[in-house]
Amino acid sequence: MLKLTLKNIWKIKLLPDEKKGLVKLLEKTSQDWYELYLFGSRLNGWWVDIDLIIKPDPGFKRLLKYQTLFNLYSDTKLDLVPYNQQNLSFIKSLSSKITQC
């Protein structure tokens, strides 16, 4: 997993509109004291969606707000997975599969 920052966003394969939306999302989540982690394969290739983990769990309303903010700039599907107890085993299994590839 890659912790996203404004300094390392260049490592991800993004279209210009996706980059603009992700920069706005990073600015807003950082301001609200959340961290974003990339767990999809956007480091290696172009895929349909962007998969992110947000830590700590922001709750449903903020999660929806952040997805909407990104979608103001891009129509790419953004998957924001909250880091919480229910998703912990899912996140761990994804992390192990990604490192095995």
N, C-alpha and C. Protein backbone atom coordinates (compact mmCIF):
# COMPACT_ATOMS: atom_id res chain seq x y z
N MET A 1 0.84 -1.18 0.00
CA MET A 1 0.00 0.00 0.00
C MET A 1 0.88 1.24 0.00
N LEU A 2 0.41 2.25 -0.65
CA LEU A 2 1.13 3.51 -0.75
C LEU A 2 0.35 4.60 -0.03
N LYS A 3 0.97 5.22 0.97
CA LYS A 3 0.33 6.35 1.62
C LYS A 3 0.40 7.53 0.66
N LEU A 4 -0.75 8.09 0.33
CA LEU A 4 -0.80 9.18 -0.63
C LEU A 4 -0.49 10.52 0.02
N THR A 5 0.36 11.26 -0.64
CA THR A 5 0.65 12.64 -0.27
C THR A 5 0.72 13.45 -1.56
N LEU A 6 0.73 14.76 -1.42
CA LEU A 6 0.85 15.60 -2.61
C LEU A 6 2.22 15.42 -3.27
N LYS A 7 3.21 15.00 -2.50
CA LYS A 7 4.56 14.82 -3.05
C LYS A 7 4.71 13.52 -3.84
N ASN A 8 3.95 12.48 -3.49
CA ASN A 8 4.14 11.20 -4.20
C ASN A 8 2.99 10.84 -5.14
N ILE A 9 2.09 11.76 -5.40
CA ILE A 9 0.96 11.49 -6.28
C ILE A 9 1.42 11.19 -7.71
N TRP A 10 2.60 11.65 -8.08
CA TRP A 10 3.13 11.42 -9.42
C TRP A 10 3.41 9.93 -9.68
N LYS A 11 3.51 9.12 -8.63
CA LYS A 11 3.80 7.69 -8.79
C LYS A 11 2.60 6.91 -9.35
N ILE A 12 1.43 7.53 -9.30
CA ILE A 12 0.20 6.86 -9.71
C ILE A 12 -0.11 7.25 -11.15
N LYS A 13 -0.55 6.28 -11.93
CA LYS A 13 -0.94 6.55 -13.31
C LYS A 13 -2.34 7.18 -13.29
N LEU A 14 -2.40 8.49 -13.60
CA LEU A 14 -3.65 9.24 -13.55
C LEU A 14 -3.85 10.07 -14.80
N LEU A 15 -5.09 10.20 -15.20
CA LEU A 15 -5.45 11.16 -16.23
C LEU A 15 -5.47 12.55 -15.59
N PRO A 16 -5.37 13.62 -16.39
CA PRO A 16 -5.33 14.97 -15.81
C PRO A 16 -6.53 15.30 -14.90
N ASP A 17 -7.73 14.89 -15.30
CA ASP A 17 -8.91 15.18 -14.46
C ASP A 17 -8.88 14.36 -13.17
N GLU A 18 -8.38 13.12 -13.25
CA GLU A 18 -8.26 12.29 -12.06
C GLU A 18 -7.25 12.90 -11.08
N LYS A 19 -6.15 13.39 -11.64
CA LYS A 19 -5.13 14.00 -10.79
C LYS A 19 -5.68 15.23 -10.07
N LYS A 20 -6.40 16.06 -10.79
CA LYS A 20 -6.97 17.26 -10.18
C LYS A 20 -7.95 16.89 -9.07
N GLY A 21 -8.81 15.90 -9.31
CA GLY A 21 -9.76 15.46 -8.30
C GLY A 21 -9.07 14.83 -7.09
N LEU A 22 -8.02 14.07 -7.34
CA LEU A 22 -7.30 13.42 -6.25
C LEU A 22 -6.53 14.44 -5.42
N VAL A 23 -5.98 15.47 -6.07
CA VAL A 23 -5.29 16.54 -5.34
C VAL A 23 -6.28 17.26 -4.42
N LYS A 24 -7.45 17.59 -4.93
CA LYS A 24 -8.48 18.24 -4.11
C LYS A 24 -8.90 17.35 -2.95
N LEU A 25 -9.05 16.06 -3.23
CA LEU A 25 -9.43 15.10 -2.18
C LEU A 25 -8.34 15.01 -1.12
N LEU A 26 -7.09 14.93 -1.55
CA LEU A 26 -5.97 14.87 -0.60
C LEU A 26 -5.91 16.12 0.27
N GLU A 27 -6.11 17.28 -0.34
CA GLU A 27 -6.09 18.53 0.42
C GLU A 27 -7.19 18.54 1.48
N LYS A 28 -8.38 18.13 1.09
CA LYS A 28 -9.52 18.14 2.02
C LYS A 28 -9.37 17.10 3.12
N THR A 29 -8.97 15.89 2.77
CA THR A 29 -8.84 14.85 3.80
C THR A 29 -7.68 15.16 4.75
N SER A 30 -6.60 15.72 4.23
CA SER A 30 -5.48 16.11 5.10
C SER A 30 -5.90 17.21 6.06
N GLN A 31 -6.68 18.14 5.56
CA GLN A 31 -7.20 19.22 6.40
C GLN A 31 -8.09 18.67 7.52
N ASP A 32 -8.80 17.60 7.23
CA ASP A 32 -9.69 16.96 8.21
C ASP A 32 -8.99 15.87 9.02
N TRP A 33 -7.68 15.73 8.88
CA TRP A 33 -6.84 14.80 9.64
C TRP A 33 -7.07 13.33 9.28
N TYR A 34 -7.33 13.07 8.01
CA TYR A 34 -7.45 11.70 7.51
C TYR A 34 -6.27 11.39 6.62
N GLU A 35 -5.94 10.11 6.52
CA GLU A 35 -4.88 9.64 5.65
C GLU A 35 -5.48 8.76 4.56
N LEU A 36 -4.93 8.86 3.35
CA LEU A 36 -5.37 8.04 2.23
C LEU A 36 -4.25 7.09 1.82
N TYR A 37 -4.64 5.85 1.51
CA TYR A 37 -3.68 4.84 1.07
C TYR A 37 -4.20 4.21 -0.21
N LEU A 38 -3.34 4.09 -1.19
CA LEU A 38 -3.69 3.43 -2.44
C LEU A 38 -3.46 1.94 -2.29
N PHE A 39 -4.47 1.12 -2.60
CA PHE A 39 -4.26 -0.32 -2.53
C PHE A 39 -4.59 -1.01 -3.83
N GLY A 40 -4.91 -0.26 -4.85
CA GLY A 40 -5.18 -0.85 -6.16
C GLY A 40 -3.92 -0.95 -6.99
N SER A 41 -4.08 -1.21 -8.26
CA SER A 41 -2.92 -1.41 -9.13
C SER A 41 -2.62 -0.18 -9.98
N ARG A 42 -3.02 0.98 -9.59
CA ARG A 42 -2.74 2.18 -10.38
C ARG A 42 -1.26 2.51 -10.45
N LEU A 43 -0.45 1.85 -9.68
CA LEU A 43 1.00 2.07 -9.77
C LEU A 43 1.57 1.36 -11.00
N ASN A 44 0.93 0.28 -11.42
CA ASN A 44 1.46 -0.54 -12.51
C ASN A 44 0.74 -0.37 -13.83
N GLY A 45 -0.47 0.11 -13.82
CA GLY A 45 -1.22 0.21 -15.07
C GLY A 45 -2.46 1.05 -14.94
N TRP A 46 -3.10 1.26 -16.06
CA TRP A 46 -4.33 2.05 -16.10
C TRP A 46 -5.50 1.12 -15.85
N TRP A 47 -6.31 1.43 -14.87
CA TRP A 47 -7.47 0.62 -14.55
C TRP A 47 -8.70 1.51 -14.52
N VAL A 48 -9.83 0.90 -14.41
CA VAL A 48 -11.09 1.62 -14.47
C VAL A 48 -11.30 2.48 -13.24
N ASP A 49 -11.02 1.98 -12.07
CA ASP A 49 -11.31 2.73 -10.85
C ASP A 49 -10.05 2.98 -10.03
N ILE A 50 -10.21 3.82 -9.03
CA ILE A 50 -9.13 4.12 -8.10
C ILE A 50 -9.57 3.60 -6.74
N ASP A 51 -8.75 2.76 -6.13
CA ASP A 51 -9.08 2.12 -4.86
C ASP A 51 -8.24 2.73 -3.75
N LEU A 52 -8.91 3.33 -2.77
CA LEU A 52 -8.24 3.99 -1.66
C LEU A 52 -8.79 3.52 -0.33
N ILE A 53 -7.92 3.47 0.66
CA ILE A 53 -8.33 3.24 2.04
C ILE A 53 -8.22 4.58 2.74
N ILE A 54 -9.23 4.92 3.52
CA ILE A 54 -9.20 6.16 4.30
C ILE A 54 -9.12 5.79 5.77
N LYS A 55 -8.20 6.44 6.46
CA LYS A 55 -7.91 6.08 7.85
C LYS A 55 -7.87 7.34 8.69
N PRO A 56 -8.51 7.41 9.83
CA PRO A 56 -9.47 6.47 10.42
C PRO A 56 -10.82 6.56 9.71
N ASP A 57 -11.74 5.71 10.09
CA ASP A 57 -13.06 5.65 9.48
C ASP A 57 -13.77 7.00 9.64
N PRO A 58 -14.11 7.67 8.52
CA PRO A 58 -14.74 8.99 8.61
C PRO A 58 -16.25 8.95 8.83
N GLY A 59 -16.86 7.80 8.73
CA GLY A 59 -18.31 7.72 8.82
C GLY A 59 -18.92 7.91 7.43
N PHE A 60 -20.17 7.51 7.31
CA PHE A 60 -20.83 7.49 6.00
C PHE A 60 -20.97 8.87 5.37
N LYS A 61 -21.39 9.87 6.14
CA LYS A 61 -21.61 11.20 5.57
C LYS A 61 -20.34 11.80 4.98
N ARG A 62 -19.24 11.71 5.71
CA ARG A 62 -17.98 12.26 5.19
C ARG A 62 -17.46 11.43 4.02
N LEU A 63 -17.63 10.13 4.09
CA LEU A 63 -17.21 9.26 3.00
C LEU A 63 -17.92 9.67 1.70
N LEU A 64 -19.20 9.89 1.79
CA LEU A 64 -19.99 10.34 0.65
C LEU A 64 -19.55 11.72 0.18
N LYS A 65 -19.26 12.60 1.12
CA LYS A 65 -18.79 13.95 0.80
C LYS A 65 -17.46 13.90 0.04
N TYR A 66 -16.54 13.05 0.47
CA TYR A 66 -15.24 12.93 -0.19
C TYR A 66 -15.37 12.34 -1.59
N GLN A 67 -16.22 11.35 -1.74
CA GLN A 67 -16.43 10.77 -3.08
C GLN A 67 -17.05 11.78 -4.02
N THR A 68 -17.98 12.57 -3.50
CA THR A 68 -18.62 13.60 -4.31
C THR A 68 -17.61 14.67 -4.71
N LEU A 69 -16.73 15.05 -3.81
CA LEU A 69 -15.70 16.03 -4.11
C LEU A 69 -14.82 15.54 -5.27
N PHE A 70 -14.39 14.30 -5.23
CA PHE A 70 -13.58 13.74 -6.31
C PHE A 70 -14.36 13.74 -7.62
N ASN A 71 -15.64 13.38 -7.55
CA ASN A 71 -16.46 13.27 -8.76
C ASN A 71 -16.83 14.62 -9.38
N LEU A 72 -16.55 15.71 -8.70
CA LEU A 72 -16.71 17.03 -9.32
C LEU A 72 -15.68 17.24 -10.42
N TYR A 73 -14.57 16.52 -10.36
CA TYR A 73 -13.47 16.69 -11.29
C TYR A 73 -13.32 15.54 -12.28
N SER A 74 -13.77 14.36 -11.91
CA SER A 74 -13.57 13.19 -12.75
C SER A 74 -14.76 12.25 -12.64
N ASP A 75 -15.05 11.55 -13.73
CA ASP A 75 -16.12 10.55 -13.69
C ASP A 75 -15.57 9.14 -13.44
N THR A 76 -14.29 9.04 -13.15
CA THR A 76 -13.68 7.77 -12.77
C THR A 76 -14.26 7.29 -11.45
N LYS A 77 -14.52 6.00 -11.36
CA LYS A 77 -15.07 5.44 -10.13
C LYS A 77 -14.01 5.45 -9.04
N LEU A 78 -14.35 6.03 -7.91
CA LEU A 78 -13.46 6.08 -6.75
C LEU A 78 -14.03 5.17 -5.68
N ASP A 79 -13.24 4.20 -5.24
CA ASP A 79 -13.63 3.31 -4.15
C ASP A 79 -12.88 3.75 -2.90
N LEU A 80 -13.61 4.30 -1.95
CA LEU A 80 -13.03 4.70 -0.67
C LEU A 80 -13.46 3.67 0.37
N VAL A 81 -12.52 2.91 0.85
CA VAL A 81 -12.81 1.87 1.84
C VAL A 81 -12.38 2.40 3.21
N PRO A 82 -13.34 2.53 4.13
CA PRO A 82 -12.96 3.01 5.47
C PRO A 82 -12.17 1.97 6.24
N TYR A 83 -11.17 2.42 6.93
CA TYR A 83 -10.34 1.53 7.75
C TYR A 83 -11.05 1.36 9.09
N ASN A 84 -11.73 0.23 9.24
CA ASN A 84 -12.42 -0.07 10.49
C ASN A 84 -12.37 -1.57 10.75
N GLN A 85 -12.90 -1.98 11.86
CA GLN A 85 -12.82 -3.39 12.28
C GLN A 85 -13.49 -4.32 11.28
N GLN A 86 -14.62 -3.90 10.70
CA GLN A 86 -15.33 -4.76 9.75
C GLN A 86 -14.52 -4.98 8.48
N ASN A 87 -13.75 -3.99 8.05
CA ASN A 87 -13.00 -4.08 6.81
C ASN A 87 -11.56 -4.53 7.00
N LEU A 88 -11.13 -4.71 8.22
CA LEU A 88 -9.74 -5.02 8.50
C LEU A 88 -9.27 -6.31 7.83
N SER A 89 -10.04 -7.37 7.91
CA SER A 89 -9.62 -8.63 7.28
C SER A 89 -9.60 -8.50 5.76
N PHE A 90 -10.55 -7.77 5.20
CA PHE A 90 -10.58 -7.52 3.75
C PHE A 90 -9.32 -6.76 3.32
N ILE A 91 -8.97 -5.72 4.06
CA ILE A 91 -7.80 -4.90 3.75
C ILE A 91 -6.52 -5.73 3.86
N LYS A 92 -6.42 -6.55 4.90
CA LYS A 92 -5.23 -7.39 5.07
C LYS A 92 -5.10 -8.41 3.94
N SER A 93 -6.22 -8.99 3.53
CA SER A 93 -6.15 -9.98 2.45
C SER A 93 -5.77 -9.31 1.13
N LEU A 94 -6.26 -8.10 0.88
CA LEU A 94 -5.87 -7.37 -0.32
C LEU A 94 -4.39 -7.03 -0.31
N SER A 95 -3.91 -6.59 0.84
CA SER A 95 -2.50 -6.22 0.96
C SER A 95 -1.60 -7.42 0.69
N SER A 96 -1.96 -8.58 1.21
CA SER A 96 -1.13 -9.75 0.99
C SER A 96 -1.19 -10.20 -0.47
N LYS A 97 -2.32 -10.08 -1.13
CA LYS A 97 -2.43 -10.46 -2.55
C LYS A 97 -1.63 -9.50 -3.41
N ILE A 98 -1.64 -8.23 -3.07
CA ILE A 98 -0.91 -7.24 -3.87
C ILE A 98 0.59 -7.47 -3.75
N THR A 99 1.06 -7.77 -2.55
CA THR A 99 2.50 -7.98 -2.36
C THR A 99 2.97 -9.28 -3.02
N GLN A 100 2.07 -10.24 -3.21
CA GLN A 100 2.43 -11.50 -3.85
C GLN A 100 2.59 -11.35 -5.36
N CYS A 101 1.93 -10.36 -5.94
CA CYS A 101 1.97 -10.17 -7.40
C CYS A 101 3.31 -9.68 -7.87
